[in-house]
Amino acid sequence: MQTFLKHNLWSFLWGILIIVLTMLPGKVFPRLPVFLDLFQPDKLIHIFIFGVYVYLQIRGFSMQGQFPFLQRHAVILTLLIGIFLGGLTEILQELFVPMRRGDIFDFIAMHWAV
């Protein structure tokens, strides 16, 4: 278990950071016309934060040797976990964060990174 935690600590911490950042209330970035919604600055931030998460998770799963299944299937498992995490953050925003809403375009932008 120690090897697993050693190689996956950063991806776990980054995942927590993603949840914290996506739970902040309000919008900080200027809005573009709706037909450019996938290119809003917040969408680019989603692509970046989830891209870093995917990198850290694949690296962590691949480098640890304690769980061979995780090592062999690092990419597909990371994709599934990333999709789950992205969907979860959008649902949490919709239900619990003032002045935020779940957004299908945010979900799509996250998965360009995944």
N, C-alpha and C. Protein backbone atom coordinates (compact mmCIF):
# COMPACT_ATOMS: atom_id res chain seq x y z
N MET A 1 0.82 -1.20 0.00
CA MET A 1 0.00 0.00 0.00
C MET A 1 0.87 1.26 0.00
N GLN A 2 2.01 1.19 0.65
CA GLN A 2 2.89 2.35 0.73
C GLN A 2 3.40 2.76 -0.65
N THR A 3 3.74 1.78 -1.50
CA THR A 3 4.19 2.07 -2.85
C THR A 3 3.07 2.73 -3.65
N PHE A 4 1.87 2.21 -3.51
CA PHE A 4 0.72 2.77 -4.21
C PHE A 4 0.52 4.24 -3.83
N LEU A 5 0.52 4.51 -2.53
CA LEU A 5 0.32 5.89 -2.06
C LEU A 5 1.46 6.80 -2.50
N LYS A 6 2.67 6.28 -2.48
CA LYS A 6 3.84 7.07 -2.88
C LYS A 6 3.68 7.57 -4.33
N HIS A 7 3.24 6.71 -5.21
CA HIS A 7 3.14 7.05 -6.62
C HIS A 7 1.84 7.74 -7.00
N ASN A 8 0.85 7.70 -6.14
CA ASN A 8 -0.45 8.28 -6.48
C ASN A 8 -0.84 9.47 -5.61
N LEU A 9 0.00 9.85 -4.69
CA LEU A 9 -0.33 10.96 -3.78
C LEU A 9 -0.66 12.23 -4.54
N TRP A 10 0.16 12.59 -5.53
CA TRP A 10 -0.07 13.85 -6.26
C TRP A 10 -1.38 13.83 -7.04
N SER A 11 -1.73 12.69 -7.63
CA SER A 11 -3.01 12.65 -8.36
C SER A 11 -4.18 12.75 -7.39
N PHE A 12 -4.07 12.14 -6.22
CA PHE A 12 -5.14 12.27 -5.22
C PHE A 12 -5.27 13.72 -4.75
N LEU A 13 -4.14 14.35 -4.46
CA LEU A 13 -4.18 15.75 -4.02
C LEU A 13 -4.71 16.66 -5.12
N TRP A 14 -4.31 16.40 -6.36
CA TRP A 14 -4.80 17.21 -7.48
C TRP A 14 -6.31 17.01 -7.65
N GLY A 15 -6.79 15.79 -7.49
CA GLY A 15 -8.23 15.53 -7.57
C GLY A 15 -9.00 16.31 -6.51
N ILE A 16 -8.44 16.37 -5.30
CA ILE A 16 -9.07 17.16 -4.24
C ILE A 16 -9.06 18.63 -4.61
N LEU A 17 -7.95 19.12 -5.17
CA LEU A 17 -7.88 20.51 -5.61
C LEU A 17 -8.94 20.80 -6.67
N ILE A 18 -9.15 19.87 -7.59
CA ILE A 18 -10.18 20.05 -8.61
C ILE A 18 -11.54 20.22 -7.96
N ILE A 19 -11.85 19.37 -7.01
CA ILE A 19 -13.15 19.46 -6.33
C ILE A 19 -13.28 20.80 -5.61
N VAL A 20 -12.24 21.22 -4.91
CA VAL A 20 -12.27 22.50 -4.20
C VAL A 20 -12.47 23.66 -5.18
N LEU A 21 -11.70 23.69 -6.26
CA LEU A 21 -11.80 24.78 -7.23
C LEU A 21 -13.16 24.83 -7.91
N THR A 22 -13.71 23.67 -8.22
CA THR A 22 -15.00 23.67 -8.91
C THR A 22 -16.17 23.96 -7.97
N MET A 23 -15.91 23.97 -6.69
CA MET A 23 -16.96 24.29 -5.72
C MET A 23 -16.95 25.76 -5.30
N LEU A 24 -16.03 26.56 -5.84
CA LEU A 24 -16.01 27.98 -5.52
C LEU A 24 -17.21 28.66 -6.17
N PRO A 25 -17.89 29.54 -5.46
CA PRO A 25 -19.08 30.20 -6.02
C PRO A 25 -18.73 31.30 -7.01
N GLY A 26 -19.68 31.58 -7.88
CA GLY A 26 -19.59 32.73 -8.78
C GLY A 26 -18.76 32.49 -10.01
N LYS A 27 -18.83 33.46 -10.92
CA LYS A 27 -18.06 33.41 -12.16
C LYS A 27 -17.07 34.57 -12.15
N VAL A 28 -15.83 34.30 -12.54
CA VAL A 28 -14.79 35.31 -12.54
C VAL A 28 -14.47 35.75 -13.96
N PHE A 29 -14.70 34.90 -14.93
CA PHE A 29 -14.25 35.16 -16.28
C PHE A 29 -15.33 35.82 -17.12
N PRO A 30 -14.90 36.65 -18.10
CA PRO A 30 -15.88 37.28 -18.99
C PRO A 30 -16.56 36.23 -19.87
N ARG A 31 -17.76 36.53 -20.30
CA ARG A 31 -18.52 35.60 -21.14
C ARG A 31 -18.31 35.94 -22.61
N LEU A 32 -18.24 34.90 -23.42
CA LEU A 32 -18.20 35.04 -24.87
C LEU A 32 -19.58 34.68 -25.40
N PRO A 33 -19.86 34.97 -26.66
CA PRO A 33 -21.16 34.56 -27.21
C PRO A 33 -21.38 33.06 -27.03
N VAL A 34 -22.64 32.66 -26.90
CA VAL A 34 -22.98 31.28 -26.57
C VAL A 34 -22.48 30.27 -27.61
N PHE A 35 -22.40 30.67 -28.89
CA PHE A 35 -21.93 29.73 -29.91
C PHE A 35 -20.44 29.40 -29.75
N LEU A 36 -19.72 30.19 -28.95
CA LEU A 36 -18.32 29.90 -28.64
C LEU A 36 -18.15 29.30 -27.25
N ASP A 37 -19.23 28.75 -26.71
CA ASP A 37 -19.22 28.32 -25.31
C ASP A 37 -18.11 27.33 -24.97
N LEU A 38 -17.73 26.47 -25.88
CA LEU A 38 -16.66 25.51 -25.59
C LEU A 38 -15.29 26.20 -25.46
N PHE A 39 -15.20 27.47 -25.88
CA PHE A 39 -13.92 28.18 -25.82
C PHE A 39 -13.90 29.27 -24.76
N GLN A 40 -14.85 29.23 -23.84
CA GLN A 40 -14.85 30.17 -22.72
C GLN A 40 -13.58 29.94 -21.90
N PRO A 41 -13.04 30.99 -21.27
CA PRO A 41 -11.83 30.81 -20.45
C PRO A 41 -11.98 29.73 -19.38
N ASP A 42 -13.17 29.61 -18.78
CA ASP A 42 -13.33 28.57 -17.75
C ASP A 42 -13.24 27.17 -18.35
N LYS A 43 -13.61 27.03 -19.63
CA LYS A 43 -13.49 25.72 -20.29
C LYS A 43 -12.02 25.37 -20.48
N LEU A 44 -11.21 26.36 -20.83
CA LEU A 44 -9.78 26.13 -20.99
C LEU A 44 -9.14 25.75 -19.66
N ILE A 45 -9.62 26.34 -18.58
CA ILE A 45 -9.13 25.98 -17.25
C ILE A 45 -9.51 24.53 -16.93
N HIS A 46 -10.74 24.14 -17.28
CA HIS A 46 -11.15 22.74 -17.07
C HIS A 46 -10.23 21.79 -17.84
N ILE A 47 -9.93 22.13 -19.08
CA ILE A 47 -9.04 21.27 -19.88
C ILE A 47 -7.68 21.16 -19.20
N PHE A 48 -7.16 22.28 -18.70
CA PHE A 48 -5.86 22.25 -18.04
C PHE A 48 -5.88 21.42 -16.77
N ILE A 49 -6.84 21.70 -15.86
CA ILE A 49 -6.80 21.01 -14.56
C ILE A 49 -7.07 19.51 -14.72
N PHE A 50 -7.93 19.13 -15.64
CA PHE A 50 -8.18 17.71 -15.85
C PHE A 50 -7.05 17.06 -16.64
N GLY A 51 -6.39 17.81 -17.52
CA GLY A 51 -5.22 17.29 -18.22
C GLY A 51 -4.10 16.95 -17.25
N VAL A 52 -3.85 17.84 -16.29
CA VAL A 52 -2.84 17.57 -15.26
C VAL A 52 -3.26 16.35 -14.45
N TYR A 53 -4.53 16.27 -14.08
CA TYR A 53 -5.02 15.13 -13.32
C TYR A 53 -4.78 13.82 -14.07
N VAL A 54 -5.11 13.78 -15.34
CA VAL A 54 -4.93 12.57 -16.14
C VAL A 54 -3.46 12.18 -16.19
N TYR A 55 -2.59 13.15 -16.41
CA TYR A 55 -1.15 12.86 -16.44
C TYR A 55 -0.70 12.25 -15.11
N LEU A 56 -1.05 12.91 -14.00
CA LEU A 56 -0.62 12.44 -12.68
C LEU A 56 -1.18 11.05 -12.38
N GLN A 57 -2.44 10.82 -12.74
CA GLN A 57 -3.08 9.53 -12.43
C GLN A 57 -2.47 8.40 -13.24
N ILE A 58 -2.28 8.61 -14.53
CA ILE A 58 -1.68 7.57 -15.36
C ILE A 58 -0.26 7.28 -14.90
N ARG A 59 0.49 8.32 -14.61
CA ARG A 59 1.86 8.14 -14.12
C ARG A 59 1.87 7.37 -12.80
N GLY A 60 0.99 7.75 -11.89
CA GLY A 60 0.94 7.08 -10.59
C GLY A 60 0.55 5.62 -10.70
N PHE A 61 -0.49 5.32 -11.49
CA PHE A 61 -0.92 3.94 -11.66
C PHE A 61 0.17 3.11 -12.35
N SER A 62 0.85 3.71 -13.32
CA SER A 62 1.87 2.98 -14.07
C SER A 62 3.11 2.70 -13.25
N MET A 63 3.48 3.61 -12.37
CA MET A 63 4.72 3.46 -11.61
C MET A 63 4.58 2.57 -10.39
N GLN A 64 3.40 2.49 -9.81
CA GLN A 64 3.24 1.65 -8.62
C GLN A 64 3.26 0.19 -9.06
N GLY A 65 3.75 -0.67 -8.21
CA GLY A 65 3.83 -2.07 -8.56
C GLY A 65 2.99 -2.97 -7.68
N GLN A 66 2.29 -2.38 -6.75
CA GLN A 66 1.54 -3.16 -5.77
C GLN A 66 0.26 -3.76 -6.34
N PHE A 67 -0.36 -3.06 -7.27
CA PHE A 67 -1.61 -3.51 -7.87
C PHE A 67 -1.41 -3.65 -9.39
N PRO A 68 -1.04 -4.85 -9.86
CA PRO A 68 -0.75 -5.06 -11.28
C PRO A 68 -1.91 -4.68 -12.20
N PHE A 69 -3.15 -4.89 -11.75
CA PHE A 69 -4.32 -4.53 -12.58
C PHE A 69 -4.31 -3.03 -12.88
N LEU A 70 -4.04 -2.20 -11.88
CA LEU A 70 -3.98 -0.76 -12.08
C LEU A 70 -2.84 -0.39 -13.03
N GLN A 71 -1.74 -1.07 -12.88
CA GLN A 71 -0.58 -0.80 -13.72
C GLN A 71 -0.86 -1.14 -15.18
N ARG A 72 -1.48 -2.29 -15.42
CA ARG A 72 -1.77 -2.73 -16.79
C ARG A 72 -2.85 -1.89 -17.46
N HIS A 73 -3.80 -1.41 -16.68
CA HIS A 73 -4.95 -0.70 -17.24
C HIS A 73 -4.99 0.76 -16.81
N ALA A 74 -3.82 1.36 -16.65
CA ALA A 74 -3.73 2.73 -16.13
C ALA A 74 -4.52 3.73 -16.98
N VAL A 75 -4.43 3.62 -18.28
CA VAL A 75 -5.08 4.61 -19.16
C VAL A 75 -6.60 4.48 -19.09
N ILE A 76 -7.13 3.29 -19.28
CA ILE A 76 -8.59 3.13 -19.30
C ILE A 76 -9.19 3.43 -17.94
N LEU A 77 -8.53 3.01 -16.87
CA LEU A 77 -9.05 3.32 -15.54
C LEU A 77 -9.03 4.82 -15.26
N THR A 78 -7.97 5.48 -15.70
CA THR A 78 -7.89 6.93 -15.54
C THR A 78 -8.99 7.63 -16.32
N LEU A 79 -9.27 7.15 -17.52
CA LEU A 79 -10.36 7.73 -18.31
C LEU A 79 -11.70 7.58 -17.58
N LEU A 80 -11.95 6.40 -17.05
CA LEU A 80 -13.21 6.17 -16.33
C LEU A 80 -13.30 7.01 -15.06
N ILE A 81 -12.22 7.07 -14.31
CA ILE A 81 -12.21 7.89 -13.09
C ILE A 81 -12.36 9.36 -13.43
N GLY A 82 -11.69 9.82 -14.50
CA GLY A 82 -11.80 11.21 -14.93
C GLY A 82 -13.21 11.58 -15.35
N ILE A 83 -13.87 10.69 -16.08
CA ILE A 83 -15.27 10.94 -16.48
C ILE A 83 -16.16 11.02 -15.24
N PHE A 84 -15.96 10.10 -14.31
CA PHE A 84 -16.73 10.13 -13.08
C PHE A 84 -16.49 11.42 -12.30
N LEU A 85 -15.22 11.80 -12.13
CA LEU A 85 -14.89 13.01 -11.39
C LEU A 85 -15.47 14.26 -12.06
N GLY A 86 -15.39 14.32 -13.39
CA GLY A 86 -15.96 15.45 -14.12
C GLY A 86 -17.46 15.55 -13.95
N GLY A 87 -18.14 14.43 -14.07
CA GLY A 87 -19.59 14.42 -13.88
C GLY A 87 -19.97 14.78 -12.46
N LEU A 88 -19.22 14.25 -11.49
CA LEU A 88 -19.48 14.54 -10.08
C LEU A 88 -19.35 16.04 -9.79
N THR A 89 -18.30 16.67 -10.31
CA THR A 89 -18.13 18.10 -10.03
C THR A 89 -19.27 18.93 -10.62
N GLU A 90 -19.75 18.55 -11.80
CA GLU A 90 -20.86 19.29 -12.40
C GLU A 90 -22.16 19.09 -11.60
N ILE A 91 -22.41 17.90 -11.13
CA ILE A 91 -23.60 17.64 -10.32
C ILE A 91 -23.51 18.40 -9.00
N LEU A 92 -22.35 18.36 -8.35
CA LEU A 92 -22.17 19.09 -7.08
C LEU A 92 -22.35 20.59 -7.27
N GLN A 93 -21.84 21.13 -8.37
CA GLN A 93 -22.02 22.56 -8.64
C GLN A 93 -23.50 22.90 -8.79
N GLU A 94 -24.21 22.08 -9.54
CA GLU A 94 -25.63 22.34 -9.78
C GLU A 94 -26.43 22.29 -8.48
N LEU A 95 -26.11 21.35 -7.62
CA LEU A 95 -26.93 21.13 -6.43
C LEU A 95 -26.52 21.95 -5.21
N PHE A 96 -25.24 22.26 -5.07
CA PHE A 96 -24.78 22.79 -3.79
C PHE A 96 -24.02 24.11 -3.83
N VAL A 97 -23.62 24.61 -4.98
CA VAL A 97 -22.77 25.80 -5.02
C VAL A 97 -23.57 27.01 -5.49
N PRO A 98 -23.66 28.05 -4.63
CA PRO A 98 -24.39 29.26 -5.02
C PRO A 98 -23.74 29.93 -6.23
N MET A 99 -24.55 30.44 -7.12
CA MET A 99 -24.11 31.17 -8.30
C MET A 99 -23.29 30.31 -9.26
N ARG A 100 -23.40 28.99 -9.17
CA ARG A 100 -22.77 28.08 -10.11
C ARG A 100 -23.84 27.13 -10.62
N ARG A 101 -23.60 26.59 -11.78
CA ARG A 101 -24.53 25.62 -12.33
C ARG A 101 -23.75 24.51 -13.01
N GLY A 102 -24.33 23.34 -13.02
CA GLY A 102 -23.74 22.25 -13.78
C GLY A 102 -23.84 22.60 -15.25
N ASP A 103 -22.81 22.32 -16.00
CA ASP A 103 -22.76 22.76 -17.39
C ASP A 103 -22.24 21.62 -18.27
N ILE A 104 -23.03 21.22 -19.25
CA ILE A 104 -22.63 20.15 -20.15
C ILE A 104 -21.38 20.52 -20.92
N PHE A 105 -21.21 21.83 -21.24
CA PHE A 105 -20.02 22.26 -21.96
C PHE A 105 -18.76 22.13 -21.09
N ASP A 106 -18.89 22.36 -19.79
CA ASP A 106 -17.76 22.13 -18.88
C ASP A 106 -17.41 20.64 -18.87
N PHE A 107 -18.43 19.81 -18.81
CA PHE A 107 -18.22 18.36 -18.80
C PHE A 107 -17.50 17.92 -20.08
N ILE A 108 -17.91 18.47 -21.22
CA ILE A 108 -17.27 18.14 -22.50
C ILE A 108 -15.83 18.64 -22.51
N ALA A 109 -15.60 19.86 -22.03
CA ALA A 109 -14.24 20.42 -22.01
C ALA A 109 -13.31 19.57 -21.15
N MET A 110 -13.82 19.08 -20.03
CA MET A 110 -13.01 18.23 -19.16
C MET A 110 -12.55 16.99 -19.90
N HIS A 111 -13.40 16.48 -20.76
CA HIS A 111 -13.10 15.21 -21.40
C HIS A 111 -12.29 15.36 -22.67
N TRP A 112 -12.06 16.61 -23.11
CA TRP A 112 -11.05 16.83 -24.14
C TRP A 112 -9.70 16.53 -23.53
N ALA A 113 -9.54 16.87 -22.25
CA ALA A 113 -8.27 16.59 -21.55
C ALA A 113 -8.13 15.11 -21.25
N VAL A 114 -9.25 14.47 -20.92
CA VAL A 114 -9.21 13.05 -20.59
C VAL A 114 -9.09 12.27 -21.87
